Amino acid sequence: MPTVKNRPRYDLRAKILSVGAVGMVVAALVAAAGWSGLGSSQSSSDQIVALDALRLQVAQVSRYNSDVSGWQVAYAWDASTVGPQAAVAADSANRAGFVTSIGELRTLLGEVDVETMTDAERSLFADITSSWDAFEAVDDQVVALYQDGSEASKVEADGLVVGAGYEQYYAITSQTAELGQSLTDRADTLHDEMTSARTRNGAVVVVAVLLGLTAVVTLSLVLGRRVKRSAAEVNGALEALAAGDLTRTPQVASTDEIGDMATSLAEAQRSIARLLAGVVGSSDVLATAAQHLASSSSQVAAGSEETSAQAGVVAAAAEQVSRNVQTVAAGAEEMGASIREIATNANEAARVAGQAVDFSTATAAAIGELGESSKEIGSVVKVITSIAEQTNLLALNATIEAARAGEAGKGFAVVASEVKDLAAESGRAAEDIARRITQVQAQTTSAVAAIGEISAIIASINDYQLTIASAVEEQTATTNEMSRSVTEAATGAGEIAANITGVASAAAESTITVGQMSETVDELARTSAELRTQVGSFTV
């Protein structure tokens, strides 16, 4: 199972980009659906345009059918008024109109777009062409009969005009009407299909938009809740740190910047705990050394008093003086050993205090970085808020489009309303995150202040250690002087009586020095107790 350290990093930037990526995918799908529907509508529209052009050509064929038949009837009437031969002569206006119309008709028949027709329509068009061929064949017979000039030929020609000629006219009229109706039906069908396709495409686009908005809002809420939980966990750890509790560590499993911040905070807590443990140990050592020093001071004081008491009888009891001097020498040696031990412990305490100052400075810097990270999270929350507002606008647009769709869009209106509510919830979650981040920043400031107080305390400890070291050096010099004096007294016991005044004076000085050392030991004991009390305010 992956841990926080070995899991792939999924930072806040990637999370925000994932929301944008989902939105882009939704936009691409909507664009694809719209493009597909547009292409289908364009194809249907092109076919309708082609069918309309074809219907116009068929209508023109029908009109030429009327024109040509009318011209034929007109020059047949001329055969009765001006004579049959004159009626079909080249200068006959009605005959010339007939020839012109039939020529234009033939041109139109050649331009008809038969590729747009179905097989049945092409068959109908072939029948129309055949009917015109038959009509022209009848017309050729009529012209030949009129050119004969006889009455019998005229009567026969008139019979062809109102007989076979009319039959072809009615046949062409029926065929063009049937072809025109077929084209009209196809155009109407295509128009209905195009309308249905537009309706379906609009529904698909609305559904895609609503689903996309739902996905974006859901992803935003999920990411927002995760960030909120992580920020709350870090905030709780900072509050505990500000209260002196180092056992509360942030339990954040994310691999983003908040996870990094939580890891740094946990490491800072461990560093402070180790530092305080070291300070406690040093204070214990310091207290023990103070006890030893107090014991040695008592012994030195006793020796000094004994020396003063025996100074009055030195002249009569030189041997007793010698023994007392040896006792003093032994006490001085023991005091020297105790002072050396105090010097060692004082130097160690000074070193630990220096390390404590360094750790406090590093911890303050790490928590300062937590404050900067909180500001960056505030910027991220602003982006999430902006996304929620845009989502709300998209949901509003979807509601408007659903309202335009009427009954078919009621379901979409409900979904759009839910998306709008989700967007509002996302905005509120983002505001809550911003408020908690502000709390985190405030707690970070408190933690920095607390660490500053710790640094001040440790600096005070360091000053005390320097004072103790200075006092120990003075005691060392004094003890060396005492040892030298005692040695001289031992080797010159015969001269003790003559120098008893000097011995008494040295004993008095020793008493004063021991008093000063006792005061120093008391100060050291009070400092150790204060340090222990201040460190004890933290829960490690």
Protein backbone atom coordinates (compact mmCIF):
# COMPACT_ATOMS: atom_id res chain seq x y z
CA MET A 1 0.00 0.00 0.00
CA PRO A 2 1.52 3.40 -0.97
CA THR A 3 2.47 5.83 1.80
CA VAL A 4 2.57 9.61 1.79
CA LYS A 5 6.26 9.58 0.85
CA ASN A 6 6.16 7.09 -2.04
CA ARG A 7 2.75 7.97 -3.52
CA PRO A 8 2.75 10.05 -6.74
CA ARG A 9 2.67 13.76 -5.97
CA TYR A 10 -0.70 15.41 -6.64
CA ASP A 11 -0.20 19.06 -5.69
CA LEU A 12 -2.80 21.82 -5.50
CA ARG A 13 -1.90 23.09 -8.97
CA ALA A 14 -2.58 19.63 -10.45
CA LYS A 15 -5.91 19.43 -8.59
CA ILE A 16 -7.03 22.79 -9.94
CA LEU A 17 -5.86 21.89 -13.45
CA SER A 18 -7.84 18.62 -13.23
CA VAL A 19 -11.02 20.66 -12.69
CA GLY A 20 -10.11 22.77 -15.74
CA ALA A 21 -9.34 19.61 -17.74
CA VAL A 22 -12.77 18.18 -16.98
CA GLY A 23 -14.32 21.46 -18.12
CA MET A 24 -12.27 21.39 -21.34
CA VAL A 25 -13.33 17.79 -22.04
CA VAL A 26 -16.97 18.74 -21.52
CA ALA A 27 -16.53 21.75 -23.83
CA ALA A 28 -14.90 19.51 -26.45
CA LEU A 29 -17.77 17.00 -26.23
CA VAL A 30 -20.35 19.77 -26.54
CA ALA A 31 -18.45 21.23 -29.52
CA ALA A 32 -18.25 17.80 -31.15
CA ALA A 33 -21.98 17.20 -30.64
CA GLY A 34 -22.77 20.65 -32.04
CA TRP A 35 -20.42 20.16 -35.00
CA SER A 36 -21.95 16.75 -35.76
CA GLY A 37 -25.45 18.16 -35.62
CA LEU A 38 -24.39 21.13 -37.75
CA GLY A 39 -22.87 18.82 -40.35
CA SER A 40 -26.03 16.68 -40.45
CA SER A 41 -28.23 19.77 -40.73
CA GLN A 42 -26.01 21.20 -43.48
CA SER A 43 -26.23 17.95 -45.46
CA SER A 44 -30.01 17.88 -45.14
CA SER A 45 -30.19 21.57 -46.03
CA ASP A 46 -28.08 21.00 -49.17
CA GLN A 47 -30.37 18.16 -50.24
CA ILE A 48 -33.45 20.31 -49.66
CA VAL A 49 -31.93 23.11 -51.75
CA ALA A 50 -31.18 20.63 -54.56
CA LEU A 51 -34.72 19.24 -54.40
CA ASP A 52 -36.19 22.75 -54.47
CA ALA A 53 -34.14 23.55 -57.60
CA LEU A 54 -35.28 20.29 -59.17
CA ARG A 55 -38.92 21.01 -58.31
CA LEU A 56 -38.55 24.42 -59.97
CA GLN A 57 -37.24 22.73 -63.13
CA VAL A 58 -40.14 20.26 -63.08
CA ALA A 59 -42.60 23.16 -62.66
CA GLN A 60 -40.96 24.89 -65.65
CA VAL A 61 -41.39 21.71 -67.70
CA SER A 62 -45.08 21.71 -66.73
CA ARG A 63 -45.35 25.40 -67.72
CA TYR A 64 -43.69 24.71 -71.10
CA ASN A 65 -46.20 21.89 -71.56
CA SER A 66 -48.98 24.46 -71.36
CA ASP A 67 -47.10 26.98 -73.54
CA VAL A 68 -46.22 24.50 -76.31
CA SER A 69 -49.75 23.03 -76.37
CA GLY A 70 -51.18 26.55 -76.47
CA TRP A 71 -48.94 27.55 -79.41
CA GLN A 72 -49.99 24.40 -81.25
CA VAL A 73 -53.68 25.16 -80.75
CA ALA A 74 -53.01 28.75 -81.87
CA TYR A 75 -51.39 27.85 -85.20
CA ALA A 76 -54.09 25.14 -85.72
CA TRP A 77 -56.69 27.95 -85.39
CA ASP A 78 -54.69 29.96 -87.92
CA ALA A 79 -55.17 27.03 -90.34
CA SER A 80 -58.90 27.77 -90.27
CA THR A 81 -58.55 31.55 -90.62
CA VAL A 82 -55.54 32.15 -92.89
CA GLY A 83 -55.18 28.72 -94.43
CA PRO A 84 -53.24 25.61 -93.39
CA GLN A 85 -50.10 26.34 -95.41
CA ALA A 86 -49.89 29.93 -94.13
CA ALA A 87 -50.43 28.69 -90.56
CA VAL A 88 -47.23 26.59 -90.65
CA ALA A 89 -45.18 28.96 -92.78
CA ALA A 90 -41.86 30.31 -91.38
CA ASP A 91 -43.32 33.77 -90.97
CA SER A 92 -46.29 32.55 -88.93
CA ALA A 93 -46.09 34.12 -85.47
CA ASN A 94 -47.90 31.29 -83.69
CA ARG A 95 -45.82 28.63 -85.41
CA ALA A 96 -42.63 30.55 -84.60
CA GLY A 97 -43.71 30.78 -80.92
CA PHE A 98 -44.27 27.04 -80.92
CA VAL A 99 -40.80 26.34 -82.35
CA THR A 100 -39.13 28.70 -79.86
CA SER A 101 -40.92 27.20 -76.85
CA ILE A 102 -40.18 23.61 -77.90
CA GLY A 103 -36.49 24.54 -78.28
CA GLU A 104 -36.33 26.10 -74.82
CA LEU A 105 -38.07 23.03 -73.44
CA ARG A 106 -35.49 20.72 -74.97
CA THR A 107 -32.71 22.85 -73.42
CA LEU A 108 -34.43 22.70 -70.02
CA LEU A 109 -34.83 18.91 -70.24
CA GLY A 110 -31.12 18.62 -70.89
CA GLU A 111 -30.27 20.71 -67.80
CA VAL A 112 -32.43 18.77 -65.35
CA ASP A 113 -30.32 17.28 -62.47
CA VAL A 114 -31.32 13.63 -62.74
CA GLU A 115 -28.56 12.66 -60.22
CA THR A 116 -30.64 14.13 -57.41
CA MET A 117 -33.63 11.95 -58.36
CA THR A 118 -34.47 8.52 -57.03
CA ASP A 119 -34.78 5.59 -59.40
CA ALA A 120 -38.57 5.96 -59.50
CA GLU A 121 -38.23 9.69 -60.21
CA ARG A 122 -35.71 9.08 -62.96
CA SER A 123 -38.18 6.60 -64.48
CA LEU A 124 -40.92 9.26 -64.36
CA PHE A 125 -38.57 11.79 -65.96
CA ALA A 126 -37.79 9.28 -68.72
CA ASP A 127 -41.55 8.90 -69.30
CA ILE A 128 -41.88 12.70 -69.55
CA THR A 129 -39.08 12.82 -72.12
CA SER A 130 -40.74 9.99 -74.09
CA SER A 131 -44.07 11.82 -73.97
CA TRP A 132 -42.46 14.93 -75.41
CA ASP A 133 -40.87 12.84 -78.14
CA ALA A 134 -44.32 11.43 -78.95
CA PHE A 135 -45.82 14.94 -78.88
CA GLU A 136 -43.22 16.23 -81.33
CA ALA A 137 -43.86 13.23 -83.60
CA VAL A 138 -47.58 14.12 -83.63
CA ASP A 139 -46.68 17.75 -84.32
CA ASP A 140 -44.52 16.72 -87.28
CA GLN A 141 -47.54 14.84 -88.72
CA VAL A 142 -49.78 17.89 -88.15
CA VAL A 143 -47.32 20.21 -89.92
CA ALA A 144 -47.00 17.80 -92.87
CA LEU A 145 -50.80 17.59 -93.25
CA TYR A 146 -51.20 21.38 -93.07
CA GLN A 147 -48.48 21.86 -95.67
CA ASP A 148 -50.47 19.53 -98.04
CA GLY A 149 -53.11 22.28 -98.18
CA SER A 150 -56.11 20.05 -98.89
CA GLU A 151 -59.23 20.17 -96.86
CA ALA A 152 -58.99 16.48 -96.01
CA SER A 153 -55.45 16.91 -94.73
CA LYS A 154 -56.54 19.91 -92.66
CA VAL A 155 -59.37 17.94 -91.08
CA GLU A 156 -57.00 15.07 -90.31
CA ALA A 157 -54.44 17.50 -88.83
CA ASP A 158 -57.09 19.15 -86.68
CA GLY A 159 -58.07 15.70 -85.40
CA LEU A 160 -54.44 14.97 -84.42
CA VAL A 161 -54.19 18.28 -82.55
CA VAL A 162 -57.29 17.67 -80.41
CA GLY A 163 -56.75 13.93 -80.25
CA ALA A 164 -53.21 12.54 -79.98
CA GLY A 165 -51.79 16.00 -79.17
CA TYR A 166 -54.13 16.48 -76.21
CA GLU A 167 -53.44 12.94 -75.02
CA GLN A 168 -49.70 13.70 -74.78
CA TYR A 169 -50.47 17.03 -73.13
CA TYR A 170 -52.52 15.37 -70.40
CA ALA A 171 -49.95 12.58 -70.04
CA ILE A 172 -47.12 15.12 -69.55
CA THR A 173 -49.30 17.10 -67.13
CA SER A 174 -49.94 13.99 -65.02
CA GLN A 175 -46.31 12.86 -65.14
CA THR A 176 -44.87 16.25 -64.14
CA ALA A 177 -47.42 16.54 -61.33
CA GLU A 178 -46.47 13.09 -60.02
CA LEU A 179 -42.75 13.89 -60.26
CA GLY A 180 -43.26 17.26 -58.55
CA GLN A 181 -45.24 15.65 -55.73
CA SER A 182 -42.52 13.02 -55.23
CA LEU A 183 -39.88 15.74 -54.96
CA THR A 184 -42.09 17.73 -52.59
CA ASP A 185 -42.62 14.69 -50.35
CA ARG A 186 -38.88 14.04 -50.21
CA ALA A 187 -38.18 17.69 -49.35
CA ASP A 188 -40.81 17.64 -46.60
CA THR A 189 -39.36 14.42 -45.19
CA LEU A 190 -35.85 15.88 -45.18
CA HIS A 191 -37.15 19.06 -43.52
CA ASP A 192 -38.87 17.01 -40.81
CA GLU A 193 -35.72 14.93 -40.27
CA MET A 194 -33.59 18.07 -40.08
CA THR A 195 -35.96 19.58 -37.51
CA SER A 196 -35.89 16.36 -35.46
CA ALA A 197 -32.10 16.21 -35.72
CA ARG A 198 -31.81 19.79 -34.49
CA THR A 199 -34.10 19.00 -31.58
CA ARG A 200 -32.10 15.87 -30.70
CA ASN A 201 -28.81 17.73 -31.05
CA GLY A 202 -30.06 20.52 -28.80
CA ALA A 203 -31.13 17.95 -26.20
CA VAL A 204 -27.74 16.22 -26.42
CA VAL A 205 -25.93 19.54 -25.98
CA VAL A 206 -28.07 20.48 -22.95
CA VAL A 207 -27.54 17.04 -21.37
CA ALA A 208 -23.79 17.23 -22.06
CA VAL A 209 -23.57 20.71 -20.52
CA LEU A 210 -25.53 19.65 -17.42
CA LEU A 211 -23.50 16.47 -16.97
CA GLY A 212 -20.27 18.41 -17.49
CA LEU A 213 -21.29 21.07 -14.98
CA THR A 214 -22.24 18.34 -12.51
CA ALA A 215 -18.84 16.69 -12.98
CA VAL A 216 -16.97 19.99 -12.53
CA VAL A 217 -18.96 20.98 -9.43
CA THR A 218 -18.65 17.49 -7.91
CA LEU A 219 -14.89 17.42 -8.50
CA SER A 220 -14.57 20.94 -7.05
CA LEU A 221 -16.51 19.92 -3.93
CA VAL A 222 -14.45 16.75 -3.44
CA LEU A 223 -11.15 18.62 -3.79
CA GLY A 224 -12.41 21.47 -1.60
CA ARG A 225 -13.43 19.08 1.18
CA ARG A 226 -10.05 17.34 1.08
CA VAL A 227 -8.21 20.66 1.30
CA LYS A 228 -10.53 21.74 4.11
CA ARG A 229 -9.88 18.55 6.13
CA SER A 230 -6.10 18.85 5.68
CA ALA A 231 -6.12 22.55 6.65
CA ALA A 232 -8.26 21.80 9.73
CA GLU A 233 -5.82 19.06 10.81
CA VAL A 234 -2.83 21.42 10.48
CA ASN A 235 -4.77 24.14 12.33
CA GLY A 236 -5.50 21.73 15.21
CA ALA A 237 -1.83 20.81 15.50
CA LEU A 238 -0.83 24.49 15.53
CA GLU A 239 -3.41 25.27 18.24
CA ALA A 240 -2.04 22.40 20.33
CA LEU A 241 1.53 23.68 19.76
CA ALA A 242 0.49 27.17 20.85
CA ALA A 243 -1.00 25.60 24.03
CA GLY A 244 2.29 23.76 24.72
CA ASP A 245 1.15 20.30 23.59
CA LEU A 246 3.77 18.69 21.33
CA THR A 247 2.03 15.28 21.21
CA ARG A 248 -0.67 16.41 18.75
CA THR A 249 0.84 15.88 15.28
CA PRO A 250 -1.07 16.69 12.04
CA GLN A 251 -2.48 13.50 10.43
CA VAL A 252 -2.51 14.61 6.76
CA ALA A 253 -2.15 11.97 4.03
CA SER A 254 -2.24 14.30 1.01
CA THR A 255 0.82 14.81 -1.18
CA ASP A 256 0.14 18.47 -1.99
CA GLU A 257 1.52 21.64 -0.42
CA ILE A 258 -0.67 21.20 2.67
CA GLY A 259 0.80 17.70 3.12
CA ASP A 260 4.30 19.22 2.87
CA MET A 261 3.32 21.84 5.42
CA ALA A 262 1.99 19.15 7.79
CA THR A 263 5.20 17.13 7.41
CA SER A 264 7.31 20.21 8.17
CA LEU A 265 5.17 21.00 11.23
CA ALA A 266 5.50 17.43 12.55
CA GLU A 267 9.29 17.59 12.09
CA ALA A 268 9.36 20.95 13.91
CA GLN A 269 7.37 19.44 16.80
CA ARG A 270 9.81 16.54 17.04
CA SER A 271 12.77 18.94 17.00
CA ILE A 272 11.25 21.04 19.80
CA ALA A 273 10.51 17.88 21.82
CA ARG A 274 14.13 16.72 21.46
CA LEU A 275 15.35 20.19 22.42
CA LEU A 276 13.17 20.32 25.55
CA ALA A 277 14.26 16.80 26.54
CA GLY A 278 17.89 17.94 26.29
CA VAL A 279 17.14 21.04 28.38
CA VAL A 280 15.48 18.90 31.07
CA GLY A 281 18.50 16.59 31.19
CA SER A 282 20.89 19.53 31.44
CA SER A 283 18.86 21.12 34.23
CA ASP A 284 18.97 17.83 36.18
CA VAL A 285 22.76 17.67 35.77
CA LEU A 286 22.98 21.31 36.84
CA ALA A 287 20.90 20.67 39.97
CA THR A 288 23.10 17.71 40.94
CA ALA A 289 26.25 19.78 40.45
CA ALA A 290 24.75 22.55 42.61
CA GLN A 291 24.13 20.03 45.40
CA HIS A 292 27.73 18.83 45.20
CA LEU A 293 28.98 22.39 45.25
CA ALA A 294 26.83 23.22 48.30
CA SER A 295 28.23 20.18 50.11
CA SER A 296 31.80 21.18 49.26
CA SER A 297 31.13 24.74 50.36
CA SER A 298 29.89 23.49 53.73
CA GLN A 299 33.03 21.45 54.18
CA VAL A 300 35.26 24.40 53.23
CA ALA A 301 33.33 26.66 55.64
CA ALA A 302 33.78 24.12 58.42
CA GLY A 303 37.54 23.92 57.71
CA SER A 304 37.86 27.69 57.69
CA GLU A 305 36.07 28.02 61.01
CA GLU A 306 38.24 25.32 62.48
CA THR A 307 41.36 27.11 61.25
CA SER A 308 40.20 30.38 62.86
CA ALA A 309 39.45 28.61 66.15
CA GLN A 310 42.84 26.96 66.27
CA ALA A 311 44.75 30.10 65.26
CA GLY A 312 44.69 31.43 68.89
CA VAL A 313 46.44 28.36 70.27
CA VAL A 314 48.88 27.81 67.39
CA ALA A 315 51.84 29.04 69.42
CA ALA A 316 51.29 26.44 72.20
CA ALA A 317 50.07 23.54 69.92
CA ALA A 318 52.13 23.51 66.67
CA GLU A 319 51.47 19.83 66.19
CA GLN A 320 47.74 20.37 66.50
CA VAL A 321 48.05 23.20 63.98
CA SER A 322 49.89 20.87 61.60
CA ARG A 323 47.09 18.33 61.81
CA ASN A 324 44.49 21.02 61.27
CA VAL A 325 46.43 22.30 58.25
CA GLN A 326 46.43 18.81 56.79
CA THR A 327 42.67 18.65 57.34
CA VAL A 328 42.29 21.97 55.53
CA ALA A 329 44.48 20.69 52.66
CA ALA A 330 42.27 17.63 52.24
CA GLY A 331 39.13 19.82 52.20
CA ALA A 332 40.71 22.15 49.62
CA GLU A 333 41.56 19.20 47.40
CA GLU A 334 37.98 17.91 47.60
CA MET A 335 36.63 21.40 46.87
CA GLY A 336 38.97 21.61 43.82
CA ALA A 337 37.58 18.34 42.49
CA SER A 338 33.98 19.56 43.01
CA ILE A 339 34.74 22.87 41.27
CA ARG A 340 36.27 21.05 38.29
CA GLU A 341 33.13 18.93 38.00
CA ILE A 342 30.97 22.07 38.18
CA ALA A 343 33.10 23.69 35.46
CA THR A 344 32.59 20.65 33.19
CA ASN A 345 28.81 20.60 33.76
CA ALA A 346 28.56 24.38 33.26
CA ASN A 347 30.38 24.18 29.92
CA GLU A 348 28.12 21.29 28.81
CA ALA A 349 25.04 23.26 29.82
CA ALA A 350 26.31 26.27 27.81
CA ARG A 351 26.80 24.04 24.77
CA VAL A 352 23.27 22.57 25.07
CA ALA A 353 21.82 26.08 25.49
CA GLY A 354 23.59 27.16 22.27
CA GLN A 355 22.09 24.21 20.42
CA ALA A 356 18.67 25.10 21.86
CA VAL A 357 18.98 28.63 20.43
CA ASP A 358 19.86 27.21 16.98
CA PHE A 359 16.91 24.74 17.06
CA SER A 360 14.49 27.50 18.15
CA THR A 361 15.64 29.74 15.26
CA ALA A 362 15.20 26.91 12.72
CA THR A 363 11.76 26.05 14.13
CA ALA A 364 10.62 29.69 13.91
CA ALA A 365 11.76 29.80 10.26
CA ALA A 366 9.85 26.55 9.46
CA ILE A 367 6.63 27.84 11.04
CA GLY A 368 7.11 31.14 9.17
CA GLU A 369 7.15 29.09 5.96
CA LEU A 370 3.85 27.53 7.12
CA GLY A 371 2.36 31.03 7.19
CA GLU A 372 3.51 31.68 3.60
CA SER A 373 2.02 28.34 2.49
CA SER A 374 -1.27 29.36 4.13
CA LYS A 375 -1.26 32.54 2.01
CA GLU A 376 -0.76 30.41 -1.13
CA ILE A 377 -3.71 28.24 -0.07
CA GLY A 378 -5.75 31.45 0.21
CA SER A 379 -4.96 32.17 -3.47
CA VAL A 380 -6.06 28.63 -4.37
CA VAL A 381 -9.35 29.14 -2.50
CA LYS A 382 -9.94 32.32 -4.52
CA VAL A 383 -9.52 30.30 -7.73
CA ILE A 384 -12.01 27.65 -6.45
CA THR A 385 -14.47 30.44 -5.58
CA SER A 386 -14.09 31.86 -9.11
CA ILE A 387 -14.75 28.39 -10.58
CA ALA A 388 -17.87 28.04 -8.40
CA GLU A 389 -19.14 31.44 -9.63
CA GLN A 390 -18.53 30.48 -13.27
CA THR A 391 -20.30 27.17 -12.62
CA ASN A 392 -23.25 29.06 -11.19
CA LEU A 393 -23.42 31.20 -14.37
CA LEU A 394 -23.27 28.07 -16.54
CA ALA A 395 -26.08 26.48 -14.49
CA LEU A 396 -28.13 29.68 -14.96
CA ASN A 397 -27.57 29.53 -18.73
CA ALA A 398 -28.59 25.85 -18.72
CA THR A 399 -31.77 26.77 -16.82
CA ILE A 400 -32.59 29.43 -19.43
CA GLU A 401 -32.00 26.99 -22.29
CA ALA A 402 -34.14 24.36 -20.53
CA ALA A 403 -36.90 26.93 -20.11
CA ARG A 404 -36.76 27.66 -23.82
CA ALA A 405 -37.16 23.94 -24.53
CA GLY A 406 -40.58 23.96 -22.81
CA GLU A 407 -41.95 20.65 -21.53
CA ALA A 408 -38.96 18.76 -22.90
CA GLY A 409 -36.59 20.85 -20.80
CA LYS A 410 -38.29 20.51 -17.38
CA GLY A 411 -36.02 17.64 -16.39
CA PHE A 412 -33.00 19.64 -17.46
CA ALA A 413 -34.23 22.63 -15.45
CA VAL A 414 -34.31 20.45 -12.30
CA VAL A 415 -30.76 19.22 -12.95
CA ALA A 416 -29.60 22.79 -13.66
CA SER A 417 -31.11 23.91 -10.34
CA GLU A 418 -29.25 21.13 -8.52
CA VAL A 419 -26.02 22.13 -10.27
CA LYS A 420 -26.63 25.72 -9.20
CA ASP A 421 -27.11 24.55 -5.57
CA LEU A 422 -23.90 22.50 -5.81
CA ALA A 423 -22.06 25.57 -7.11
CA ALA A 424 -23.39 27.62 -4.18
CA GLU A 425 -22.27 24.89 -1.74
CA SER A 426 -18.83 24.89 -3.40
CA GLY A 427 -18.59 28.67 -2.89
CA ARG A 428 -19.55 28.32 0.79
CA ALA A 429 -16.99 25.55 1.23
CA ALA A 430 -14.33 27.78 -0.32
CA GLU A 431 -15.27 30.62 2.11
CA ASP A 432 -15.04 28.17 5.04
CA ILE A 433 -11.57 27.10 3.84
CA ALA A 434 -10.48 30.75 3.64
CA ARG A 435 -11.70 31.35 7.21
CA ARG A 436 -9.85 28.30 8.50
CA ILE A 437 -6.67 29.32 6.66
CA THR A 438 -6.90 32.69 8.41
CA GLN A 439 -7.11 30.78 11.72
CA VAL A 440 -4.06 28.74 10.67
CA GLN A 441 -2.12 31.94 10.00
CA ALA A 442 -3.16 33.34 13.40
CA GLN A 443 -2.10 30.10 15.16
CA THR A 444 1.19 30.17 13.21
CA THR A 445 1.86 33.67 14.54
CA SER A 446 1.12 32.44 18.10
CA ALA A 447 3.48 29.49 17.61
CA VAL A 448 6.25 31.81 16.38
CA ALA A 449 5.72 34.02 19.46
CA ALA A 450 5.85 30.93 21.74
CA ILE A 451 9.10 29.77 20.14
CA GLY A 452 10.47 33.31 20.57
CA GLU A 453 9.74 33.04 24.32
CA ILE A 454 11.49 29.65 24.39
CA SER A 455 14.52 31.21 22.67
CA ALA A 456 14.56 34.02 25.26
CA ILE A 457 14.42 31.48 28.11
CA ILE A 458 17.27 29.46 26.61
CA ALA A 459 19.31 32.66 26.11
CA SER A 460 18.77 33.42 29.81
CA ILE A 461 19.98 29.89 30.64
CA ASN A 462 23.05 30.50 28.52
CA ASP A 463 23.75 33.76 30.44
CA TYR A 464 23.40 31.88 33.75
CA GLN A 465 25.82 29.24 32.55
CA LEU A 466 28.38 31.95 31.70
CA THR A 467 27.93 33.49 35.15
CA ILE A 468 28.42 30.09 36.79
CA ALA A 469 31.53 29.41 34.69
CA SER A 470 33.00 32.78 35.73
CA ALA A 471 32.27 32.09 39.39
CA VAL A 472 33.79 28.62 39.13
CA GLU A 473 36.96 30.10 37.64
CA GLU A 474 37.17 32.51 40.58
CA GLN A 475 36.63 29.63 43.01
CA THR A 476 39.35 27.62 41.26
CA ALA A 477 41.84 30.47 41.67
CA THR A 478 40.87 30.86 45.31
CA THR A 479 41.17 27.12 45.96
CA ASN A 480 44.61 27.03 44.34
CA GLU A 481 45.66 29.90 46.56
CA MET A 482 44.31 28.06 49.61
CA SER A 483 46.17 24.88 48.67
CA ARG A 484 49.40 26.77 48.23
CA SER A 485 48.96 28.52 51.58
CA VAL A 486 48.14 25.27 53.35
CA THR A 487 51.19 23.59 51.80
CA GLU A 488 53.43 26.39 53.00
CA ALA A 489 51.83 26.12 56.44
CA ALA A 490 52.53 22.38 56.55
CA THR A 491 56.17 22.78 55.57
CA GLY A 492 56.66 25.75 57.91
CA ALA A 493 54.83 24.58 61.01
CA GLY A 494 57.67 26.04 63.03
CA GLU A 495 56.90 29.44 61.70
CA ILE A 496 53.10 29.21 62.38
CA ALA A 497 53.34 31.05 65.64
CA ALA A 498 55.18 33.98 64.03
CA ASN A 499 52.76 34.09 61.12
CA ILE A 500 49.53 33.33 63.01
CA THR A 501 48.15 36.72 62.07
CA GLY A 502 48.55 35.92 58.38
CA VAL A 503 46.90 32.50 58.86
CA ALA A 504 43.95 34.05 60.67
CA SER A 505 43.60 36.61 57.89
CA ALA A 506 43.71 33.85 55.24
CA ALA A 507 41.08 31.89 57.14
CA ALA A 508 38.81 34.97 57.23
CA GLU A 509 39.22 35.43 53.49
CA SER A 510 38.33 31.76 52.96
CA THR A 511 35.18 32.23 54.99
CA ILE A 512 34.15 35.21 52.84
CA THR A 513 34.88 33.28 49.63
CA VAL A 514 32.86 30.30 50.80
CA GLY A 515 29.96 32.65 51.55
CA GLN A 516 30.15 34.05 48.05
CA MET A 517 30.28 30.54 46.64
CA SER A 518 27.20 29.59 48.66
CA GLU A 519 25.32 32.53 47.20
CA THR A 520 26.38 31.43 43.70
CA VAL A 521 25.18 27.88 44.41
CA ASP A 522 21.83 29.21 45.62
CA GLU A 523 21.46 31.27 42.43
CA LEU A 524 22.34 28.22 40.38
CA ALA A 525 19.73 26.12 42.19
CA ARG A 526 17.03 28.79 41.64
CA THR A 527 17.96 28.99 37.93
CA SER A 528 17.69 25.21 37.55
CA ALA A 529 14.28 25.18 39.26
CA GLU A 530 12.96 28.02 37.07
CA LEU A 531 14.20 26.25 33.93
CA ARG A 532 12.54 23.01 35.00
CA THR A 533 9.24 24.82 35.68
CA GLN A 534 9.21 26.62 32.33
CA VAL A 535 10.07 23.49 30.36
CA GLY A 536 7.44 21.54 32.31
CA SER A 537 4.71 23.76 30.79
CA PHE A 538 5.16 21.81 27.52
CA THR A 539 3.60 18.37 26.97
CA VAL A 540 6.16 16.17 25.20
